[in-house]
C-alpha atoms as a PDB file:
ATOM      1  CA  MET A   1      31.482  -1.606  22.537  1.00  0.00           C
ATOM      2  CA  LYS A   2      28.161  -1.495  20.687  1.00  0.00           C
ATOM      3  CA  SER A   3      26.804   1.879  19.634  1.00  0.00           C
ATOM      4  CA  SER A   4      23.262   2.994  20.384  1.00  0.00           C
ATOM      5  CA  LEU A   5      21.206   4.954  17.872  1.00  0.00           C
ATOM      6  CA  SER A   6      21.760   8.112  19.906  1.00  0.00           C
ATOM      7  CA  GLU A   7      25.509   7.766  19.330  1.00  0.00           C
ATOM      8  CA  LEU A   8      25.242   7.524  15.546  1.00  0.00           C
ATOM      9  CA  PRO A   9      26.415  10.586  13.586  1.00  0.00           C
ATOM     10  CA  LEU A  10      23.253  12.244  12.291  1.00  0.00           C
ATOM     11  CA  GLU A  11      24.955  13.243   9.042  1.00  0.00           C
ATOM     12  CA  HIS A  12      25.729   9.594   8.369  1.00  0.00           C
ATOM     13  CA  VAL A  13      22.225   8.474   9.318  1.00  0.00           C
ATOM     14  CA  ARG A  14      20.672  11.016   6.955  1.00  0.00           C
ATOM     15  CA  THR A  15      23.034   9.908   4.220  1.00  0.00           C
ATOM     16  CA  LEU A  16      21.964   6.285   4.607  1.00  0.00           C
ATOM     17  CA  LEU A  17      18.321   7.336   4.303  1.00  0.00           C
ATOM     18  CA  ALA A  18      19.111   9.335   1.153  1.00  0.00           C
ATOM     19  CA  VAL A  19      20.793   6.309  -0.431  1.00  0.00           C
ATOM     20  CA  VAL A  20      17.787   4.096   0.327  1.00  0.00           C
ATOM     21  CA  ASP A  21      15.269   6.674  -0.905  1.00  0.00           C
ATOM     22  CA  GLU A  22      17.213   7.590  -4.053  1.00  0.00           C
ATOM     23  CA  GLY A  23      18.205   4.022  -4.866  1.00  0.00           C
ATOM     24  CA  THR A  24      21.891   4.579  -5.704  1.00  0.00           C
ATOM     25  CA  PHE A  25      24.951   6.216  -4.167  1.00  0.00           C
ATOM     26  CA  ASP A  26      25.250   8.596  -7.130  1.00  0.00           C
ATOM     27  CA  ALA A  27      21.624   9.741  -6.880  1.00  0.00           C
ATOM     28  CA  ALA A  28      21.988  10.242  -3.126  1.00  0.00           C
ATOM     29  CA  ALA A  29      25.122  12.319  -3.707  1.00  0.00           C
ATOM     30  CA  ALA A  30      23.215  14.551  -6.126  1.00  0.00           C
ATOM     31  CA  ALA A  31      20.344  14.963  -3.657  1.00  0.00           C
ATOM     32  CA  LEU A  32      22.737  15.813  -0.810  1.00  0.00           C
ATOM     33  CA  HIS A  33      24.997  18.013  -2.970  1.00  0.00           C
ATOM     34  CA  VAL A  34      28.103  16.029  -2.101  1.00  0.00           C
ATOM     35  CA  THR A  35      30.337  13.684  -4.074  1.00  0.00           C
ATOM     36  CA  PRO A  36      29.591   9.957  -4.471  1.00  0.00           C
ATOM     37  CA  PRO A  37      32.835   9.047  -2.616  1.00  0.00           C
ATOM     38  CA  ALA A  38      31.660  11.158   0.337  1.00  0.00           C
ATOM     39  CA  VAL A  39      28.366   9.236   0.421  1.00  0.00           C
ATOM     40  CA  SER A  40      30.206   5.920   0.265  1.00  0.00           C
ATOM     41  CA  GLN A  41      32.562   6.961   3.071  1.00  0.00           C
ATOM     42  CA  ARG A  42      29.686   8.001   5.337  1.00  0.00           C
ATOM     43  CA  VAL A  43      27.834   4.720   4.814  1.00  0.00           C
ATOM     44  CA  LYS A  44      30.987   2.679   5.429  1.00  0.00           C
ATOM     45  CA  ALA A  45      31.715   4.704   8.590  1.00  0.00           C
ATOM     46  CA  LEU A  46      28.197   4.028   9.814  1.00  0.00           C
ATOM     47  CA  GLU A  47      28.607   0.323   9.147  1.00  0.00           C
ATOM     48  CA  ARG A  48      31.890   0.288  11.035  1.00  0.00           C
ATOM     49  CA  ARG A  49      30.285   2.080  13.978  1.00  0.00           C
ATOM     50  CA  THR A  50      27.346  -0.319  14.147  1.00  0.00           C
ATOM     51  CA  GLY A  51      29.394  -3.386  13.305  1.00  0.00           C
ATOM     52  CA  ARG A  52      26.713  -4.387  10.784  1.00  0.00           C
ATOM     53  CA  VAL A  53      26.245  -4.389   7.024  1.00  0.00           C
ATOM     54  CA  LEU A  54      23.452  -1.877   6.517  1.00  0.00           C
ATOM     55  CA  LEU A  55      22.978  -1.932   2.745  1.00  0.00           C
ATOM     56  CA  MET A  56      22.802  -4.567   0.053  1.00  0.00           C
ATOM     57  CA  ARG A  57      24.734  -3.039  -2.850  1.00  0.00           C
ATOM     58  CA  THR A  58      22.118  -3.927  -5.453  1.00  0.00           C
ATOM     59  CA  LYS A  59      20.429  -1.647  -7.994  1.00  0.00           C
ATOM     60  CA  PRO A  60      18.456  -0.161  -6.430  1.00  0.00           C
ATOM     61  CA  VAL A  61      20.169  -0.614  -3.066  1.00  0.00           C
ATOM     62  CA  ARG A  62      18.139  -2.238  -0.302  1.00  0.00           C
ATOM     63  CA  PRO A  63      18.598  -2.022   3.456  1.00  0.00           C
ATOM     64  CA  THR A  64      19.533  -5.158   5.340  1.00  0.00           C
ATOM     65  CA  GLU A  65      17.546  -6.083   8.446  1.00  0.00           C
ATOM     66  CA  SER A  66      19.958  -3.964  10.504  1.00  0.00           C
ATOM     67  CA  GLY A  67      19.765  -1.214   7.911  1.00  0.00           C
ATOM     68  CA  GLN A  68      15.988  -1.143   8.238  1.00  0.00           C
ATOM     69  CA  VAL A  69      16.376  -0.233  11.907  1.00  0.00           C
ATOM     70  CA  VAL A  70      18.610   2.730  11.030  1.00  0.00           C
ATOM     71  CA  VAL A  71      16.334   3.790   8.163  1.00  0.00           C
ATOM     72  CA  ARG A  72      13.311   3.853  10.494  1.00  0.00           C
ATOM     73  CA  PHE A  73      15.318   5.904  12.984  1.00  0.00           C
ATOM     74  CA  ALA A  74      16.407   8.324  10.255  1.00  0.00           C
ATOM     75  CA  ARG A  75      12.878   8.782   8.954  1.00  0.00           C
ATOM     76  CA  GLN A  76      11.469   9.309  12.438  1.00  0.00           C
ATOM     77  CA  LEU A  77      14.237  11.800  13.180  1.00  0.00           C
ATOM     78  CA  ALA A  78      13.487  13.744  10.006  1.00  0.00           C
ATOM     79  CA  ARG A  79       9.769  13.829  10.826  1.00  0.00           C
ATOM     80  CA  LEU A  80      10.360  15.056  14.384  1.00  0.00           C
ATOM     81  CA  GLU A  81      12.805  17.689  13.176  1.00  0.00           C
ATOM     82  CA  ARG A  82      10.264  19.059  10.691  1.00  0.00           C
ATOM     83  CA  ASP A  83       7.522  19.127  13.309  1.00  0.00           C
ATOM     84  CA  ALA A  84       9.769  20.966  15.764  1.00  0.00           C
ATOM     85  CA  ARG A  85      10.751  23.541  13.136  1.00  0.00           C
ATOM     86  CA  ALA A  86       7.100  24.083  12.262  1.00  0.00           C
ATOM     87  CA  GLU A  87       6.112  24.610  15.908  1.00  0.00           C
ATOM     88  CA  LEU A  88       8.977  27.068  16.346  1.00  0.00           C
ATOM     89  CA  GLY A  89       8.018  28.928  13.195  1.00  0.00           C
ATOM     90  CA  ILE A  90      11.415  28.337  11.636  1.00  0.00           C
ATOM     91  CA  SER A  91      11.452  28.423   7.855  1.00  0.00           C
ATOM     92  CA  ASP A  92      12.168  25.084   6.234  1.00  0.00           C
ATOM     93  CA  THR A  93      13.517  26.608   2.967  1.00  0.00           C
ATOM     94  CA  GLY A  94      10.204  25.993   1.236  1.00  0.00           C
ATOM     95  CA  GLU A  95      10.646  22.215   1.211  1.00  0.00           C
ATOM     96  CA  ALA A  96       7.407  20.409   2.015  1.00  0.00           C
ATOM     97  CA  ALA A  97       7.256  17.633   4.569  1.00  0.00           C
ATOM     98  CA  VAL A  98       6.657  14.265   2.899  1.00  0.00           C
ATOM     99  CA  LEU A  99       4.791  11.376   4.514  1.00  0.00           C
ATOM    100  CA  PRO A 100       5.424   8.034   2.783  1.00  0.00           C
ATOM    101  CA  VAL A 101       2.350   5.800   2.966  1.00  0.00           C
ATOM    102  CA  ALA A 102       1.576   2.313   1.629  1.00  0.00           C
ATOM    103  CA  VAL A 103      -1.968   1.714   0.385  1.00  0.00           C
ATOM    104  CA  ASN A 104      -3.661  -1.002  -1.643  1.00  0.00           C
ATOM    105  CA  ALA A 105      -4.823  -0.179  -5.164  1.00  0.00           C
ATOM    106  CA  ASP A 106      -8.566  -0.567  -4.520  1.00  0.00           C
ATOM    107  CA  SER A 107      -8.522   1.781  -1.534  1.00  0.00           C
ATOM    108  CA  LEU A 108      -6.523   4.240  -3.596  1.00  0.00           C
ATOM    109  CA  ALA A 109      -9.099   4.050  -6.393  1.00  0.00           C
ATOM    110  CA  THR A 110     -12.170   4.424  -4.183  1.00  0.00           C
ATOM    111  CA  TRP A 111     -11.885   6.234  -0.848  1.00  0.00           C
ATOM    112  CA  PHE A 112      -8.318   6.918   0.279  1.00  0.00           C
ATOM    113  CA  LEU A 113      -7.631  10.135  -1.641  1.00  0.00           C
ATOM    114  CA  SER A 114     -10.717  11.757  -0.147  1.00  0.00           C
ATOM    115  CA  ALA A 115      -9.206  11.045   3.272  1.00  0.00           C
ATOM    116  CA  LEU A 116      -6.000  12.894   2.406  1.00  0.00           C
ATOM    117  CA  ALA A 117      -8.045  15.873   1.235  1.00  0.00           C
ATOM    118  CA  ARG A 118      -9.378  16.271   4.802  1.00  0.00           C
ATOM    119  CA  ILE A 119      -5.940  17.038   6.241  1.00  0.00           C
ATOM    120  CA  PRO A 120      -5.603  20.724   7.172  1.00  0.00           C
ATOM    121  CA  ASP A 121      -3.668  22.835   4.670  1.00  0.00           C
ATOM    122  CA  GLU A 122      -1.665  24.530   7.406  1.00  0.00           C
ATOM    123  CA  LEU A 123       0.243  21.297   8.049  1.00  0.00           C
ATOM    124  CA  SER A 124       1.869  21.717   4.609  1.00  0.00           C
ATOM    125  CA  THR A 125       2.185  17.985   4.148  1.00  0.00           C
ATOM    126  CA  CYS A 126       2.870  16.135   0.912  1.00  0.00           C
ATOM    127  CA  PHE A 127       2.364  12.415   0.419  1.00  0.00           C
ATOM    128  CA  GLU A 128       4.424   9.756  -1.265  1.00  0.00           C
ATOM    129  CA  LEU A 129       1.995   6.911  -1.870  1.00  0.00           C
ATOM    130  CA  ARG A 130       3.355   3.416  -2.395  1.00  0.00           C
ATOM    131  CA  ARG A 131       0.840   1.094  -4.032  1.00  0.00           C
ATOM    132  CA  GLU A 132       1.060  -2.420  -2.627  1.00  0.00           C
ATOM    133  CA  ASP A 133      -1.305  -5.313  -1.970  1.00  0.00           C
ATOM    134  CA  GLU A 134      -2.965  -5.004   1.449  1.00  0.00           C
ATOM    135  CA  ASP A 135      -1.451  -8.344   2.474  1.00  0.00           C
ATOM    136  CA  HIS A 136       2.057  -7.013   1.847  1.00  0.00           C
ATOM    137  CA  THR A 137       2.018  -3.355   2.955  1.00  0.00           C
ATOM    138  CA  THR A 138       3.322  -4.305   6.410  1.00  0.00           C
ATOM    139  CA  SER A 139       6.642  -5.338   4.856  1.00  0.00           C
ATOM    140  CA  LEU A 140       7.164  -1.708   3.801  1.00  0.00           C
ATOM    141  CA  LEU A 141       6.530  -0.625   7.404  1.00  0.00           C
ATOM    142  CA  ARG A 142       9.069  -3.116   8.709  1.00  0.00           C
ATOM    143  CA  GLU A 143      11.806  -1.992   6.351  1.00  0.00           C
ATOM    144  CA  GLY A 144      11.195   1.684   7.106  1.00  0.00           C
ATOM    145  CA  SER A 145      10.097   2.614   3.576  1.00  0.00           C
ATOM    146  CA  VAL A 146       6.792   4.063   4.802  1.00  0.00           C
ATOM    147  CA  MET A 147       5.523   5.584   8.035  1.00  0.00           C
ATOM    148  CA  ALA A 148       1.945   4.312   7.748  1.00  0.00           C
ATOM    149  CA  ALA A 149      -0.030   1.763   5.772  1.00  0.00           C
ATOM    150  CA  VAL A 150      -3.477   0.423   4.960  1.00  0.00           C
ATOM    151  CA  THR A 151      -3.148  -3.290   5.633  1.00  0.00           C
ATOM    152  CA  SER A 152      -5.207  -6.438   6.070  1.00  0.00           C
ATOM    153  CA  SER A 153      -3.204  -7.448   9.145  1.00  0.00           C
ATOM    154  CA  PRO A 154      -4.495  -6.668  12.664  1.00  0.00           C
ATOM    155  CA  ASP A 155      -1.114  -7.662  14.113  1.00  0.00           C
ATOM    156  CA  ALA A 156       0.985  -4.591  14.831  1.00  0.00           C
ATOM    157  CA  VAL A 157       4.391  -4.312  13.231  1.00  0.00           C
ATOM    158  CA  SER A 158       7.017  -3.661  15.916  1.00  0.00           C
ATOM    159  CA  GLY A 159       6.965   0.027  16.809  1.00  0.00           C
ATOM    160  CA  CYS A 160       3.538   0.626  15.247  1.00  0.00           C
ATOM    161  CA  THR A 161      -0.034   1.131  16.407  1.00  0.00           C
ATOM    162  CA  VAL A 162      -3.105  -0.428  14.768  1.00  0.00           C
ATOM    163  CA  ARG A 163      -6.607   0.952  14.219  1.00  0.00           C
ATOM    164  CA  ARG A 164      -9.451  -0.925  12.545  1.00  0.00           C
ATOM    165  CA  LEU A 165     -10.841   0.771   9.440  1.00  0.00           C
ATOM    166  CA  GLY A 166     -13.661  -1.570   8.380  1.00  0.00           C
ATOM    167  CA  ARG A 167     -14.345  -4.094   5.614  1.00  0.00           C
ATOM    168  CA  MET A 168     -13.955  -3.526   1.904  1.00  0.00           C
ATOM    169  CA  ARG A 169     -16.670  -5.522   0.160  1.00  0.00           C
ATOM    170  CA  TYR A 170     -16.106  -7.057  -3.266  1.00  0.00           C
ATOM    171  CA  LEU A 171     -18.885  -8.232  -5.603  1.00  0.00           C
ATOM    172  CA  PRO A 172     -18.484 -11.031  -8.194  1.00  0.00           C
ATOM    173  CA  VAL A 173     -19.440  -9.587 -11.565  1.00  0.00           C
ATOM    174  CA  ALA A 174     -19.203 -10.095 -15.313  1.00  0.00           C
ATOM    175  CA  SER A 175     -20.483  -8.338 -18.404  1.00  0.00           C
ATOM    176  CA  PRO A 176     -23.804  -9.449 -19.946  1.00  0.00           C
ATOM    177  CA  GLY A 177     -21.966 -10.472 -23.117  1.00  0.00           C
ATOM    178  CA  PHE A 178     -19.501 -12.603 -21.165  1.00  0.00           C
ATOM    179  CA  VAL A 179     -22.353 -14.290 -19.286  1.00  0.00           C
ATOM    180  CA  ALA A 180     -24.061 -15.174 -22.583  1.00  0.00           C
ATOM    181  CA  ARG A 181     -20.839 -16.462 -24.201  1.00  0.00           C
ATOM    182  CA  ARG A 182     -19.078 -18.245 -21.339  1.00  0.00           C
ATOM    183  CA  LEU A 183     -21.740 -18.867 -18.679  1.00  0.00           C
ATOM    184  CA  GLY A 184     -24.584 -19.803 -21.002  1.00  0.00           C
ATOM    185  CA  ASP A 185     -26.098 -22.526 -18.812  1.00  0.00           C
ATOM    186  CA  TRP A 186     -26.190 -20.268 -15.758  1.00  0.00           C
ATOM    187  CA  PRO A 187     -28.421 -19.652 -13.818  1.00  0.00           C
ATOM    188  CA  ARG A 188     -30.162 -22.895 -14.866  1.00  0.00           C
ATOM    189  CA  VAL A 189     -27.145 -24.769 -13.493  1.00  0.00           C
ATOM    190  CA  PRO A 190     -25.115 -23.891 -10.372  1.00  0.00           C
ATOM    191  CA  LEU A 191     -22.602 -21.105 -10.885  1.00  0.00           C
ATOM    192  CA  GLY A 192     -19.755 -23.331  -9.733  1.00  0.00           C
ATOM    193  CA  ALA A 193     -20.375 -25.734 -12.618  1.00  0.00           C
ATOM    194  CA  VAL A 194     -19.606 -23.094 -15.242  1.00  0.00           C
ATOM    195  CA  LEU A 195     -17.341 -20.624 -13.432  1.00  0.00           C
ATOM    196  CA  ALA A 196     -14.383 -22.930 -12.797  1.00  0.00           C
ATOM    197  CA  ASP A 197     -13.506 -23.085 -16.505  1.00  0.00           C
ATOM    198  CA  ALA A 198     -14.388 -19.505 -17.441  1.00  0.00           C
ATOM    199  CA  PRO A 199     -11.725 -16.847 -18.133  1.00  0.00           C
ATOM    200  CA  VAL A 200     -11.042 -14.627 -15.138  1.00  0.00           C
ATOM    201  CA  ILE A 201      -9.400 -11.251 -14.469  1.00  0.00           C
ATOM    202  CA  PHE A 202      -6.749 -10.853 -11.765  1.00  0.00           C
ATOM    203  CA  PHE A 203      -5.117  -7.604 -10.695  1.00  0.00           C
ATOM    204  CA  ASP A 204      -1.666  -9.214 -10.461  1.00  0.00           C
ATOM    205  CA  ARG A 205      -0.099 -12.485  -9.350  1.00  0.00           C
ATOM    206  CA  ARG A 206      -0.546 -11.573  -5.685  1.00  0.00           C
ATOM    207  CA  ASP A 207      -4.286 -11.111  -6.113  1.00  0.00           C
ATOM    208  CA  SER A 208      -6.154 -14.019  -4.492  1.00  0.00           C
ATOM    209  CA  LEU A 209      -9.690 -12.618  -4.359  1.00  0.00           C
ATOM    210  CA  GLN A 210     -10.993 -14.408  -7.450  1.00  0.00           C
ATOM    211  CA  ASP A 211      -9.667 -17.735  -6.174  1.00  0.00           C
ATOM    212  CA  ASP A 212     -11.252 -17.036  -2.775  1.00  0.00           C
ATOM    213  CA  PHE A 213     -14.652 -16.503  -4.376  1.00  0.00           C
ATOM    214  CA  ALA A 214     -14.322 -19.440  -6.781  1.00  0.00           C
ATOM    215  CA  ARG A 215     -13.591 -21.811  -3.903  1.00  0.00           C
ATOM    216  CA  LYS A 216     -16.843 -20.752  -2.263  1.00  0.00           C
ATOM    217  CA  VAL A 217     -18.956 -21.677  -5.293  1.00  0.00           C
ATOM    218  CA  THR A 218     -17.006 -24.697  -6.576  1.00  0.00           C
ATOM    219  CA  GLY A 219     -16.557 -26.501  -3.301  1.00  0.00           C
ATOM    220  CA  GLY A 220     -12.843 -25.823  -2.999  1.00  0.00           C
ATOM    221  CA  ARG A 221     -11.587 -25.474  -6.556  1.00  0.00           C
ATOM    222  CA  GLY A 222      -9.977 -22.176  -7.467  1.00  0.00           C
ATOM    223  CA  ALA A 223     -10.627 -19.998 -10.489  1.00  0.00           C
ATOM    224  CA  SER A 224      -9.811 -21.089 -14.033  1.00  0.00           C
ATOM    225  CA  ARG A 225      -6.216 -21.149 -15.275  1.00  0.00           C
ATOM    226  CA  LEU A 226      -7.398 -18.902 -18.132  1.00  0.00           C
ATOM    227  CA  ARG A 227      -6.241 -15.726 -16.384  1.00  0.00           C
ATOM    228  CA  HIS A 228      -5.729 -12.156 -17.527  1.00  0.00           C
ATOM    229  CA  TYR A 229      -3.601  -9.851 -15.320  1.00  0.00           C
ATOM    230  CA  VAL A 230      -4.552  -6.161 -15.364  1.00  0.00           C
ATOM    231  CA  PRO A 231      -2.570  -4.187 -12.715  1.00  0.00           C
ATOM    232  CA  SER A 232      -4.795  -1.098 -12.676  1.00  0.00           C
ATOM    233  CA  SER A 233      -7.977  -0.681 -10.637  1.00  0.00           C
ATOM    234  CA  ARG A 234      -9.732   1.164 -13.435  1.00  0.00           C
ATOM    235  CA  GLY A 235      -8.300  -1.099 -16.125  1.00  0.00           C
ATOM    236  CA  PHE A 236      -9.337  -4.169 -14.107  1.00  0.00           C
ATOM    237  CA  VAL A 237     -12.975  -3.063 -14.120  1.00  0.00           C
ATOM    238  CA  GLU A 238     -12.821  -2.051 -17.790  1.00  0.00           C
ATOM    239  CA  ALA A 239     -11.458  -5.485 -18.714  1.00  0.00           C
ATOM    240  CA  ILE A 240     -14.479  -7.098 -17.038  1.00  0.00           C
ATOM    241  CA  GLU A 241     -16.832  -4.647 -18.785  1.00  0.00           C
ATOM    242  CA  ALA A 242     -15.171  -5.529 -22.089  1.00  0.00           C
ATOM    243  CA  GLY A 243     -15.970  -9.196 -21.528  1.00  0.00           C
ATOM    244  CA  LEU A 244     -12.445 -10.538 -21.130  1.00  0.00           C
ATOM    245  CA  GLY A 245     -13.413 -12.425 -17.994  1.00  0.00           C
ATOM    246  CA  TRP A 246     -15.221 -12.259 -14.674  1.00  0.00           C
ATOM    247  CA  GLY A 247     -13.823 -10.826 -11.455  1.00  0.00           C
ATOM    248  CA  VAL A 248     -14.597  -9.470  -8.011  1.00  0.00           C
ATOM    249  CA  VAL A 249     -14.858  -5.668  -7.920  1.00  0.00           C
ATOM    250  CA  PRO A 250     -15.059  -3.231  -4.987  1.00  0.00           C
ATOM    251  CA  GLN A 251     -18.696  -2.516  -4.226  1.00  0.00           C
ATOM    252  CA  ALA A 252     -18.179   1.223  -4.670  1.00  0.00           C
ATOM    253  CA  GLN A 253     -17.011   0.651  -8.248  1.00  0.00           C
ATOM    254  CA  ALA A 254     -19.444  -2.144  -9.085  1.00  0.00           C
ATOM    255  CA  GLU A 255     -22.773  -0.671  -7.968  1.00  0.00           C
ATOM    256  CA  PRO A 256     -23.015   2.165 -10.555  1.00  0.00           C
ATOM    257  CA  LEU A 257     -22.171  -0.296 -13.333  1.00  0.00           C
ATOM    258  CA  LEU A 258     -24.716  -2.806 -12.065  1.00  0.00           C
ATOM    259  CA  ARG A 259     -27.379  -0.090 -12.094  1.00  0.00           C
ATOM    260  CA  ALA A 260     -26.354   0.885 -15.617  1.00  0.00           C
ATOM    261  CA  GLY A 261     -26.577  -2.722 -16.782  1.00  0.00           C
ATOM    262  CA  THR A 262     -22.980  -2.932 -17.997  1.00  0.00           C
ATOM    263  CA  LEU A 263     -22.200  -5.538 -15.332  1.00  0.00           C
ATOM    264  CA  VAL A 264     -24.167  -8.487 -13.961  1.00  0.00           C
ATOM    265  CA  LEU A 265     -23.990  -9.662 -10.331  1.00  0.00           C
ATOM    266  CA  LEU A 266     -23.088 -13.364 -10.301  1.00  0.00           C
ATOM    267  CA  ASP A 267     -23.934 -14.162  -6.682  1.00  0.00           C
ATOM    268  CA  ALA A 268     -25.503 -11.757  -4.190  1.00  0.00           C
ATOM    269  CA  ASP A 269     -24.958 -14.075  -1.235  1.00  0.00           C
ATOM    270  CA  ARG A 270     -21.294 -14.959  -1.693  1.00  0.00           C
ATOM    271  CA  VAL A 271     -19.434 -11.679  -1.533  1.00  0.00           C
ATOM    272  CA  VAL A 272     -15.792 -11.272  -0.520  1.00  0.00           C
ATOM    273  CA  ASP A 273     -15.052  -9.089   2.515  1.00  0.00           C
ATOM    274  CA  VAL A 274     -11.496  -7.912   3.189  1.00  0.00           C
ATOM    275  CA  PRO A 275     -10.848  -6.368   6.641  1.00  0.00           C
ATOM    276  CA  LEU A 276      -8.626  -3.303   6.543  1.00  0.00           C
ATOM    277  CA  PHE A 277      -6.526  -1.727   9.283  1.00  0.00           C
ATOM    278  CA  TRP A 278      -4.413   1.393   9.657  1.00  0.00           C
ATOM    279  CA  GLN A 279      -0.917   0.881  11.001  1.00  0.00           C
ATOM    280  CA  GLN A 280       1.489   3.733  11.693  1.00  0.00           C
ATOM    281  CA  TRP A 281       4.695   4.347  13.571  1.00  0.00           C
ATOM    282  CA  LYS A 282       4.453   5.313  17.223  1.00  0.00           C
ATOM    283  CA  LEU A 283       5.594   8.864  16.614  1.00  0.00           C
ATOM    284  CA  ASP A 284       4.363  12.081  18.218  1.00  0.00           C
ATOM    285  CA  SER A 285       3.852  13.939  14.940  1.00  0.00           C
ATOM    286  CA  PRO A 286       0.955  16.361  14.277  1.00  0.00           C
ATOM    287  CA  ALA A 287       0.972  15.572  10.553  1.00  0.00           C
ATOM    288  CA  LEU A 288       0.949  11.823  11.106  1.00  0.00           C
ATOM    289  CA  ALA A 289      -1.809  12.114  13.729  1.00  0.00           C
ATOM    290  CA  ALA A 290      -3.914  14.312  11.432  1.00  0.00           C
ATOM    291  CA  MET A 291      -3.522  11.823   8.593  1.00  0.00           C
ATOM    292  CA  ALA A 292      -4.572   8.931  10.834  1.00  0.00           C
ATOM    293  CA  ASP A 293      -7.681  10.772  12.014  1.00  0.00           C
ATOM    294  CA  ALA A 294      -8.604  11.687   8.418  1.00  0.00           C
ATOM    295  CA  VAL A 295      -8.140   8.122   7.180  1.00  0.00           C
ATOM    296  CA  VAL A 296     -10.192   6.606  10.007  1.00  0.00           C
ATOM    297  CA  ALA A 297     -12.979   9.166   9.458  1.00  0.00           C
ATOM    298  CA  ALA A 298     -13.118   8.557   5.697  1.00  0.00           C
ATOM    299  CA  ALA A 299     -13.060   4.793   6.158  1.00  0.00           C
ATOM    300  CA  GLY A 300     -15.946   5.085   8.601  1.00  0.00           C
ATOM    301  CA  THR A 301     -18.228   6.287   5.816  1.00  0.00           C
ATOM    302  CA  ALA A 302     -16.716   4.412   2.862  1.00  0.00           C
ATOM    303  CA  LEU A 303     -16.240   0.911   4.286  1.00  0.00           C
ATOM    304  CA  ASP A 304     -18.636  -1.576   5.840  1.00  0.00           C
ATOM    305  CA  GLN A 305     -18.353  -1.543   9.595  1.00  0.00           C
END
C-alpha cells in the first residue's frame, strides 16, 4: 500500500529537510541534537515507507525527484506551523522564521533588497537568499530549496503561482579608454564590425546577455571568444570601467556612470530587455504573502513596465 504525505511521520519528514538544508547527515544530527545514526535511521525509515530513494548520498546530499516532493512538503509544513504559532501568540523560542528565496544577481544588486525592507517588522521574518541566474531559479523551486523566486519564466512551476514584475533593461557600455583602444574605428564604421573581436565581460558561463546583444549588431554572430568572467554584479561593472572589456549593464547601474563619463553607451537603440516574474508556492502564509506584495510593489517602480 502506498503512503500519502499525511501518513508520513513528521519527525522523519523534518529530519529529511534538515539533512537537505545542512548538506550532510552529521550536520543535520548536530542541528537536531540527535546522533548521526538516528538521522540515518529516520531517513531510511522514510524511504521504506514511501518505497522511494529520497536522497542521493553525495556531499552535499541532494534530494531525488521523489525527495523533492517530501522536501517541499516539509518546508510548507514548517512554514504553516510557524504561522499558526504566531497567530496563537505561542512563543517560538526566539527562533526567527526563515524564508528561502532565489533571486538573480542583478536584481539583488539593484532593487530587490529595498523590497524586503518594506516587509512589516512584526512578521519577524528572516531571509535566506540564494543567488542564481534568472533562467535557472525555477529549478530551485522545483526541488524545494526555496519557497519563492525571481525568474524569467512565465510558466508556473507545479504548485506555484506567477506574477509579472516587469522588464529589467540592460545597456551596452564600455569605458572611454576601451573604446579608444579596441573600438577605434567606431562610430565611423558599424559597431558590429569592431565589436565581434573585442574583449567582453561575462558574469559567469550561464550569462548569455552579451551574446544576445552581439547577435543584434553583428547579424547573428555572438560576442568575441576573448571573455572575462566576473561573478559579482559590482565587480562586473568595475571590470568594464577598468577597460577589461565591454558588457551589458543594468540601466540602474549604468546611468549614473554614463552621466559621470566613466562609461560610454555603445548603442541607444539596441538594448537588452529581460522580463522578470515572481513565482511562489501556493501557501496561505502571511509572511510569504507580505513578501510577494513588497516585491511586486518595489518592482513596479524599479523595472520598466
